[in-house]
């Protein structure tokens, strides 16, 4: 590898690290004769697959030059940082060389905006097109769509990328205009709509023609920054819920705000990223997608923010003690999902196993039920233990909340009174 390209790689990989929306793809692009690589069904991510293997991808920007001056972005035009730009040929060759050396299994490609949205998007499309058509690269490709890009370019990108994404960044449009005056919701939601239309149209064509080309088969994702603005968790989750109503939206990612531009007074001065809040949002997001919860059940006018001490499901259960304890030998699937400590897999196992006899606490533990939590909210074959009704929600909370150690770092959130 040339030393010049290596220096560019160091700069552009560092600039790309703040984008977190690059986890599991869910696409099943198989290896084909004459092609290079494949994307396994569990996808490409910075994580471990179900079989234990570590899956990796080249996460890089085409350029970190940017004409925008977003307050929260390290690559804003007013920042004095090392800048670099890879040519289309350099990035294509870099990806293929890394793949042949078994460094990566896919590509996550984003870019700063130079000249205009279409100019930047056209260069991104050229990269993925050359990988697919010239080098026959069959691995996973996640491509960031540039806000404001034309429908023609978005449609062309979707023919070569496995997943596409457009980052919302800030969940409130007024806050977005204040921190990123060059952006607005229309510039973000318009390419989202283009991606959705392309995917739905391709799906209809594949119903009629078996070998019709796919369009972004792994769907699309987006990202929101948590903690840069005074928006509540209720505001964030309502927007996420609305996005999940779109048929092609697969994931909404939450990124704890990192105070990289310390000189900008529009931003809160955080000593560390709000990682606990970010984690609670992911847990609430999981409840929305897989546990049949509604946003107003998790957060409402009385509780607009998630409880940082306990997970959202336990918080909901403690606010509704009248629904508990639940008899695991009689309750339906929807009610079992509401019990803290019972997940989707264990709820299905309970429904299947109780056909053959009454379930005990030991059997529930073997099914994966987190008995430490569930014991206060269920009754089973044995005599009931002290449930939330006898102990009261306050006592159960004290029993389940871990006391922080004296030397642990306290999470400091902005906008708290």
Protein backbone atom coordinates (compact mmCIF):
# COMPACT_ATOMS: atom_id res chain seq x y z
CA UNK A 1 0.00 0.00 0.00
CA UNK A 2 1.34 3.42 -0.90
CA UNK A 3 2.33 5.64 2.00
CA UNK A 4 0.12 8.46 0.69
CA UNK A 5 -2.98 6.23 0.70
CA UNK A 6 -2.09 4.91 4.15
CA UNK A 7 -2.02 8.46 5.56
CA UNK A 8 -5.40 9.19 3.99
CA UNK A 9 -6.77 5.97 5.45
CA UNK A 10 -5.70 6.97 8.96
CA UNK A 11 -7.38 10.36 8.68
CA UNK A 12 -10.62 9.16 7.09
CA UNK A 13 -11.07 6.11 9.32
CA UNK A 14 -10.67 8.37 12.37
CA UNK A 15 -13.27 10.78 10.98
CA UNK A 16 -15.77 7.98 10.40
CA UNK A 17 -15.72 6.55 13.93
CA UNK A 18 -18.55 8.76 15.24
CA UNK A 19 -21.16 7.16 12.97
CA UNK A 20 -22.59 4.17 14.87
CA UNK A 21 -25.25 3.06 12.38
CA UNK A 22 -23.29 0.17 10.93
CA UNK A 23 -24.35 -2.94 12.84
CA UNK A 24 -26.01 -6.14 11.65
CA UNK A 25 -27.14 -6.08 8.03
CA UNK A 26 -29.59 -8.97 7.81
CA UNK A 27 -28.84 -9.55 4.14
CA UNK A 28 -28.16 -12.98 2.63
CA UNK A 29 -25.96 -12.21 -0.39
CA UNK A 30 -24.30 -15.55 -1.19
CA UNK A 31 -21.04 -16.27 -2.96
CA UNK A 32 -21.29 -16.72 -6.74
CA UNK A 33 -18.85 -18.20 -9.21
CA UNK A 34 -16.65 -15.50 -10.67
CA UNK A 35 -17.43 -13.08 -7.84
CA UNK A 36 -15.38 -12.04 -4.83
CA UNK A 37 -16.74 -12.41 -1.27
CA UNK A 38 -20.17 -12.88 0.25
CA UNK A 39 -22.41 -11.38 2.95
CA UNK A 40 -23.61 -14.03 5.37
CA UNK A 41 -27.19 -14.03 6.62
CA UNK A 42 -26.29 -12.61 10.03
CA UNK A 43 -24.74 -9.58 8.37
CA UNK A 44 -21.57 -7.59 8.74
CA UNK A 45 -20.93 -5.66 11.93
CA UNK A 46 -18.40 -4.67 14.55
CA UNK A 47 -19.44 -7.52 16.77
CA UNK A 48 -19.45 -11.29 17.10
CA UNK A 49 -21.67 -13.57 15.05
CA UNK A 50 -23.77 -16.38 16.53
CA UNK A 51 -21.02 -18.90 15.76
CA UNK A 52 -18.50 -16.80 17.68
CA UNK A 53 -16.62 -15.28 14.78
CA UNK A 54 -15.70 -11.61 14.78
CA UNK A 55 -17.10 -9.88 11.72
CA UNK A 56 -15.50 -6.68 10.52
CA UNK A 57 -15.83 -4.10 7.78
CA UNK A 58 -13.87 -1.17 6.47
CA UNK A 59 -15.54 1.88 7.99
CA UNK A 60 -14.31 4.93 6.15
CA UNK A 61 -15.25 8.27 4.63
CA UNK A 62 -14.62 9.18 1.02
CA UNK A 63 -13.61 12.63 2.24
CA UNK A 64 -13.80 14.51 5.54
CA UNK A 65 -13.93 17.87 3.81
CA UNK A 66 -17.42 19.27 4.31
CA UNK A 67 -19.19 22.46 3.29
CA UNK A 68 -21.58 22.25 6.29
CA UNK A 69 -20.87 23.74 9.70
CA UNK A 70 -22.86 21.45 12.00
CA UNK A 71 -22.10 22.33 15.63
CA UNK A 72 -21.87 18.70 16.82
CA UNK A 73 -19.68 17.34 13.99
CA UNK A 74 -15.91 16.98 14.18
CA UNK A 75 -15.70 17.39 10.39
CA UNK A 76 -17.46 20.77 10.29
CA UNK A 77 -15.96 23.26 7.86
CA UNK A 78 -14.82 25.65 10.61
CA UNK A 79 -12.70 23.01 12.39
CA UNK A 80 -8.94 23.00 11.92
CA UNK A 81 -8.33 19.26 11.62
CA UNK A 82 -6.32 17.04 9.23
CA UNK A 83 -8.25 16.65 5.99
CA UNK A 84 -8.01 14.01 3.27
CA UNK A 85 -9.84 12.77 0.20
CA UNK A 86 -9.61 9.39 -1.47
CA UNK A 87 -10.21 9.13 -5.17
CA UNK A 88 -12.77 6.61 -6.38
CA UNK A 89 -10.01 4.36 -7.70
CA UNK A 90 -8.01 4.54 -4.47
CA UNK A 91 -11.00 3.58 -2.32
CA UNK A 92 -12.01 0.71 -4.61
CA UNK A 93 -8.47 -0.68 -4.66
CA UNK A 94 -8.16 -0.24 -0.91
CA UNK A 95 -11.36 -2.20 -0.28
CA UNK A 96 -10.33 -5.05 -2.58
CA UNK A 97 -6.82 -5.22 -1.14
CA UNK A 98 -8.14 -5.35 2.43
CA UNK A 99 -10.60 -8.06 1.48
CA UNK A 100 -7.97 -10.21 -0.22
CA UNK A 101 -5.81 -9.91 2.90
CA UNK A 102 -8.80 -11.08 4.97
CA UNK A 103 -8.88 -7.84 6.96
CA UNK A 104 -12.55 -7.13 6.21
CA UNK A 105 -15.74 -8.70 4.93
CA UNK A 106 -17.53 -5.56 3.80
CA UNK A 107 -17.55 -1.79 3.43
CA UNK A 108 -19.26 1.00 5.36
CA UNK A 109 -18.91 4.16 3.29
CA UNK A 110 -19.88 7.73 4.16
CA UNK A 111 -18.62 11.16 3.20
CA UNK A 112 -18.58 14.83 3.99
CA UNK A 113 -20.49 17.04 1.56
CA UNK A 114 -18.34 18.86 -0.98
CA UNK A 115 -19.62 21.28 -3.65
CA UNK A 116 -23.17 19.97 -3.40
CA UNK A 117 -25.13 16.87 -2.45
CA UNK A 118 -25.34 15.41 -5.96
CA UNK A 119 -21.61 15.84 -6.65
CA UNK A 120 -20.74 13.92 -3.47
CA UNK A 121 -23.43 11.28 -3.98
CA UNK A 122 -22.28 10.67 -7.54
CA UNK A 123 -18.76 9.83 -6.33
CA UNK A 124 -20.12 7.47 -3.68
CA UNK A 125 -22.21 5.70 -6.31
CA UNK A 126 -19.16 5.33 -8.54
CA UNK A 127 -17.31 3.53 -5.74
CA UNK A 128 -20.01 0.92 -5.10
CA UNK A 129 -20.74 0.52 -8.81
CA UNK A 130 -17.08 -0.19 -9.62
CA UNK A 131 -16.87 -2.67 -6.75
CA UNK A 132 -19.90 -4.58 -8.03
CA UNK A 133 -19.49 -4.38 -11.80
CA UNK A 134 -15.74 -4.11 -12.38
CA UNK A 135 -14.31 -6.12 -9.48
CA UNK A 136 -17.41 -8.31 -8.93
CA UNK A 137 -17.25 -7.70 -5.18
CA UNK A 138 -20.10 -9.67 -3.62
CA UNK A 139 -19.55 -8.70 0.02
CA UNK A 140 -21.66 -6.46 2.20
CA UNK A 141 -21.86 -2.73 1.39
CA UNK A 142 -23.52 -0.13 3.61
CA UNK A 143 -23.73 3.26 1.91
CA UNK A 144 -24.67 6.57 3.48
CA UNK A 145 -27.00 8.63 1.33
CA UNK A 146 -26.27 12.34 1.25
CA UNK A 147 -29.15 14.58 2.47
CA UNK A 148 -30.54 16.47 -0.51
CA UNK A 149 -29.30 14.01 -3.14
CA UNK A 150 -31.44 13.54 -6.25
CA UNK A 151 -33.76 10.57 -6.68
CA UNK A 152 -31.84 9.32 -9.73
CA UNK A 153 -28.61 8.96 -7.75
CA UNK A 154 -30.34 7.37 -4.76
CA UNK A 155 -32.04 4.87 -7.06
CA UNK A 156 -28.73 3.97 -8.69
CA UNK A 157 -27.02 3.58 -5.31
CA UNK A 158 -29.74 1.21 -4.12
CA UNK A 159 -28.99 -1.19 -6.97
CA UNK A 160 -25.47 -1.80 -5.67
CA UNK A 161 -25.63 -1.29 -1.88
CA UNK A 162 -27.01 -3.82 0.58
CA UNK A 163 -28.13 -1.22 3.09
CA UNK A 164 -28.55 2.55 2.81
CA UNK A 165 -28.98 5.11 5.56
CA UNK A 166 -29.62 8.81 6.07
CA UNK A 167 -28.84 10.21 9.52
CA UNK A 168 -31.45 12.42 11.18
CA UNK A 169 -28.90 13.42 13.86
CA UNK A 170 -31.21 15.70 15.89
CA UNK A 171 -34.78 14.54 16.73
CA UNK A 172 -36.29 18.05 16.66
CA UNK A 173 -36.28 20.20 13.53
CA UNK A 174 -35.93 23.49 15.40
CA UNK A 175 -32.92 22.15 17.29
CA UNK A 176 -31.50 20.81 14.02
CA UNK A 177 -31.75 24.22 12.37
CA UNK A 178 -30.06 25.83 15.35
CA UNK A 179 -27.13 23.41 15.44
CA UNK A 180 -26.97 22.61 11.71
CA UNK A 181 -28.30 25.64 9.80
CA UNK A 182 -27.57 24.00 6.42
CA UNK A 183 -29.88 21.05 7.12
CA UNK A 184 -33.59 20.52 7.63
CA UNK A 185 -35.91 17.55 7.99
CA UNK A 186 -36.99 17.73 4.36
CA UNK A 187 -33.43 17.16 3.12
CA UNK A 188 -33.24 14.07 5.35
CA UNK A 189 -36.68 12.55 4.89
CA UNK A 190 -36.74 13.03 1.09
CA UNK A 191 -33.91 10.54 0.36
CA UNK A 192 -35.45 8.25 2.99
CA UNK A 193 -38.62 8.27 0.92
CA UNK A 194 -36.64 7.60 -2.26
CA UNK A 195 -35.02 4.54 -0.65
CA UNK A 196 -38.39 3.27 0.53
CA UNK A 197 -39.99 3.75 -2.88
CA UNK A 198 -37.11 1.99 -4.63
CA UNK A 199 -37.24 -0.98 -2.27
CA UNK A 200 -41.01 -1.40 -2.53
CA UNK A 201 -40.92 -1.12 -6.31
CA UNK A 202 -38.14 -3.71 -6.53
CA UNK A 203 -40.11 -6.05 -4.27
CA UNK A 204 -43.14 -5.79 -6.56
CA UNK A 205 -40.99 -6.50 -9.62
CA UNK A 206 -39.50 -9.58 -7.99
CA UNK A 207 -43.01 -10.95 -7.48
CA UNK A 208 -43.47 -10.91 -11.25
CA UNK A 209 -39.91 -11.56 -12.42
CA UNK A 210 -37.82 -14.03 -10.44
CA UNK A 211 -34.46 -12.50 -11.29
CA UNK A 212 -35.42 -8.84 -11.10
CA UNK A 213 -32.63 -6.81 -9.43
CA UNK A 214 -32.88 -6.08 -5.73
CA UNK A 215 -32.84 -2.62 -4.20
CA UNK A 216 -31.03 -2.18 -0.86
CA UNK A 217 -32.16 -5.67 0.28
CA UNK A 218 -31.06 -5.04 3.90
CA UNK A 219 -33.32 -1.96 4.14
CA UNK A 220 -32.30 1.37 5.62
CA UNK A 221 -31.26 2.77 8.98
CA UNK A 222 -30.72 6.14 10.64
CA UNK A 223 -29.01 7.67 13.66
CA UNK A 224 -29.93 10.23 16.33
CA UNK A 225 -27.56 12.01 18.69
CA UNK A 226 -28.57 11.76 22.35
CA UNK A 227 -27.76 14.60 24.74
CA UNK A 228 -26.82 17.43 22.39
CA UNK A 229 -30.24 19.08 22.74
CA UNK A 230 -32.86 19.26 25.52
CA UNK A 231 -35.18 16.85 23.69
CA UNK A 232 -36.70 14.29 26.05
CA UNK A 233 -36.64 10.52 25.59
CA UNK A 234 -40.34 10.75 24.77
CA UNK A 235 -39.54 13.01 21.78
CA UNK A 236 -36.82 10.65 20.58
CA UNK A 237 -38.92 7.49 20.93
CA UNK A 238 -41.97 9.03 19.27
CA UNK A 239 -39.86 9.85 16.23
CA UNK A 240 -38.35 6.35 16.28
CA UNK A 241 -41.81 4.78 16.48
CA UNK A 242 -42.97 6.82 13.50
CA UNK A 243 -39.90 5.76 11.52
CA UNK A 244 -40.53 2.09 12.27
CA UNK A 245 -43.94 2.42 10.66
CA UNK A 246 -42.09 2.71 7.36
CA UNK A 247 -41.74 -0.76 5.79
CA UNK A 248 -38.03 -0.46 4.93
CA UNK A 249 -36.74 1.09 8.18
CA UNK A 250 -34.77 -1.61 9.96
CA UNK A 251 -32.89 0.16 12.73
CA UNK A 252 -32.73 3.49 14.51
CA UNK A 253 -29.38 3.99 16.24
CA UNK A 254 -28.74 6.22 19.23
CA UNK A 255 -25.37 7.86 19.72
CA UNK A 256 -24.44 9.45 23.03
CA UNK A 257 -23.31 13.01 22.37
CA UNK A 258 -19.53 13.50 22.54
CA UNK A 259 -18.34 17.04 23.26
CA UNK A 260 -15.79 17.34 20.46
CA UNK A 261 -16.28 21.03 19.63
CA UNK A 262 -15.67 22.55 23.06
CA UNK A 263 -15.65 26.11 21.77
CA UNK A 264 -19.27 26.08 20.54
CA UNK A 265 -21.50 27.56 23.24
CA UNK A 266 -24.66 26.16 21.64
CA UNK A 267 -23.70 22.70 22.91
CA UNK A 268 -23.76 21.35 26.49
CA UNK A 269 -20.38 20.79 28.14
CA UNK A 270 -20.45 17.11 29.05
CA UNK A 271 -17.49 15.49 30.83
CA UNK A 272 -18.45 12.17 29.22
CA UNK A 273 -20.98 10.78 26.77
CA UNK A 274 -24.44 9.89 28.24
CA UNK A 275 -23.89 6.17 27.71
CA UNK A 276 -26.45 4.99 30.28
CA UNK A 277 -29.17 7.03 28.63
CA UNK A 278 -28.10 5.68 25.25
CA UNK A 279 -28.37 2.14 26.60
CA UNK A 280 -31.85 2.77 28.03
CA UNK A 281 -33.00 4.12 24.66
CA UNK A 282 -31.82 0.94 22.96
CA UNK A 283 -33.74 -1.11 25.53
CA UNK A 284 -36.88 0.97 24.94
CA UNK A 285 -36.37 0.63 21.19
CA UNK A 286 -36.30 -3.14 21.66
CA UNK A 287 -39.61 -3.00 23.53
CA UNK A 288 -41.18 -1.07 20.66
CA UNK A 289 -40.00 -3.50 18.01
CA UNK A 290 -40.32 -6.90 19.67
CA UNK A 291 -42.40 -6.62 22.85
CA UNK A 292 -45.53 -4.90 21.50
CA UNK A 293 -45.11 -1.81 23.70
CA UNK A 294 -46.34 1.61 22.64
CA UNK A 295 -44.35 4.79 23.19
CA UNK A 296 -46.87 6.23 25.64
CA UNK A 297 -46.55 3.11 27.78
CA UNK A 298 -42.80 3.56 28.12
CA UNK A 299 -42.66 7.36 28.44
CA UNK A 300 -45.47 9.89 28.82
CA UNK A 301 -46.17 13.39 30.11
CA UNK A 302 -45.61 12.28 33.71
CA UNK A 303 -42.42 10.36 32.92
CA UNK A 304 -40.95 12.01 29.77
CA UNK A 305 -37.49 10.53 30.35
CA UNK A 306 -36.39 6.96 30.92
CA UNK A 307 -35.30 5.86 34.37
CA UNK A 308 -31.51 5.57 34.36
CA UNK A 309 -31.38 3.17 37.32
CA UNK A 310 -33.60 0.42 35.95
CA UNK A 311 -34.52 -0.82 32.48
CA UNK A 312 -37.72 0.51 30.80
CA UNK A 313 -39.62 -2.76 31.10
CA UNK A 314 -39.04 -3.01 34.84
CA UNK A 315 -39.89 0.67 35.21
CA UNK A 316 -43.24 0.10 33.46
CA UNK A 317 -44.02 -2.94 35.62
CA UNK A 318 -43.33 -1.03 38.85
CA UNK A 319 -45.69 1.73 37.67
CA UNK A 320 -48.44 -0.85 37.02
CA UNK A 321 -48.42 -3.25 40.00
CA UNK A 322 -52.15 -3.88 39.55
CA UNK A 323 -51.34 -6.17 36.58
CA UNK A 324 -49.14 -8.48 38.63
CA UNK A 325 -48.41 -11.16 39.64
CA UNK A 326 -48.93 -13.08 36.40
CA UNK A 327 -49.66 -16.80 36.43
CA UNK A 328 -47.17 -18.24 33.94
CA UNK A 329 -49.31 -21.35 33.54
CA UNK A 330 -52.32 -19.36 32.33
CA UNK A 331 -51.21 -15.98 30.95
CA UNK A 332 -51.27 -15.34 27.21
CA UNK A 333 -48.18 -14.49 25.16
CA UNK A 334 -48.72 -10.71 25.19
CA UNK A 335 -48.95 -10.62 29.00
CA UNK A 336 -45.90 -12.85 29.44
CA UNK A 337 -43.86 -10.39 27.36
CA UNK A 338 -44.73 -7.68 29.89
CA UNK A 339 -43.09 -9.54 32.77
CA UNK A 340 -39.60 -8.29 33.71
CA UNK A 341 -37.10 -11.08 33.20
CA UNK A 342 -39.11 -12.88 30.50
CA UNK A 343 -37.97 -12.36 26.92
CA UNK A 344 -39.40 -13.32 23.55
CA UNK A 345 -37.63 -16.68 23.46
CA UNK A 346 -38.51 -17.67 27.02
CA UNK A 347 -42.15 -16.56 26.56
CA UNK A 348 -42.49 -18.88 23.57
CA UNK A 349 -40.87 -21.71 25.52
CA UNK A 350 -43.33 -21.17 28.37
CA UNK A 351 -46.31 -21.45 26.01
CA UNK A 352 -44.90 -24.63 24.50
CA UNK A 353 -43.83 -26.31 27.75
CA UNK A 354 -46.94 -25.72 29.84
CA UNK A 355 -48.93 -27.96 27.52
CA UNK A 356 -47.28 -30.91 29.24
CA UNK A 357 -47.62 -29.84 32.87
CA UNK A 358 -47.48 -26.97 35.33
CA UNK A 359 -44.21 -25.05 35.31
CA UNK A 360 -41.98 -24.55 38.33
CA UNK A 361 -39.43 -21.85 39.07
CA UNK A 362 -36.55 -24.23 38.27
CA UNK A 363 -38.03 -24.96 34.87
CA UNK A 364 -38.45 -21.25 34.21
CA UNK A 365 -34.78 -20.66 35.01
CA UNK A 366 -33.77 -23.38 32.55
CA UNK A 367 -35.84 -21.61 29.86
CA UNK A 368 -33.76 -18.47 30.31
CA UNK A 369 -36.07 -16.47 32.58
CA UNK A 370 -34.14 -13.98 34.70
CA UNK A 371 -35.55 -15.16 38.01
CA UNK A 372 -33.93 -12.36 39.99
CA UNK A 373 -36.44 -9.99 38.36
CA UNK A 374 -39.31 -12.26 37.44
CA UNK A 375 -39.83 -13.70 40.94
CA UNK A 376 -41.59 -10.52 42.09
CA UNK A 377 -44.03 -10.49 39.14
CA UNK A 378 -45.08 -14.11 38.56
CA UNK A 379 -46.64 -17.09 40.26
CA UNK A 380 -46.05 -20.66 39.14
CA UNK A 381 -46.60 -24.20 40.46
CA UNK A 382 -45.00 -23.56 43.87
CA UNK A 383 -46.45 -21.40 46.59
CA UNK A 384 -45.98 -17.77 45.55
CA UNK A 385 -43.03 -15.87 46.94
CA UNK A 386 -43.30 -12.29 48.08
CA UNK A 387 -44.53 -10.53 44.94
CA UNK A 388 -44.81 -6.85 44.07
CA UNK A 389 -48.25 -6.80 45.67
CA UNK A 390 -46.97 -7.78 49.12
CA UNK A 391 -43.64 -5.96 48.98
CA UNK A 392 -44.86 -2.77 47.17
CA UNK A 393 -43.09 -1.36 44.08
CA UNK A 394 -40.78 0.82 46.19
CA UNK A 395 -39.37 -2.18 48.07
CA UNK A 396 -38.95 -4.22 44.87
CA UNK A 397 -37.09 -1.32 43.28
CA UNK A 398 -34.69 -1.09 46.21
CA UNK A 399 -34.05 -4.83 46.04
CA UNK A 400 -33.26 -4.74 42.31
CA UNK A 401 -31.33 -1.49 41.99
CA UNK A 402 -27.61 -1.93 42.42
CA UNK A 403 -25.98 0.63 44.63
CA UNK A 404 -23.11 2.37 42.81
CA UNK A 405 -19.67 1.91 44.28
CA UNK A 406 -18.02 4.90 45.91
CA UNK A 407 -15.38 5.19 43.18
CA UNK A 408 -17.76 4.80 40.21
CA UNK A 409 -18.15 7.71 37.84
CA UNK A 410 -21.48 9.48 38.08
CA UNK A 411 -23.35 10.14 34.85
CA UNK A 412 -23.95 13.84 34.37
CA UNK A 413 -26.72 14.74 31.94
CA UNK A 414 -27.42 18.19 30.52
CA UNK A 415 -30.64 20.12 31.07
CA UNK A 416 -31.35 18.46 34.47
CA UNK A 417 -32.70 20.78 37.14
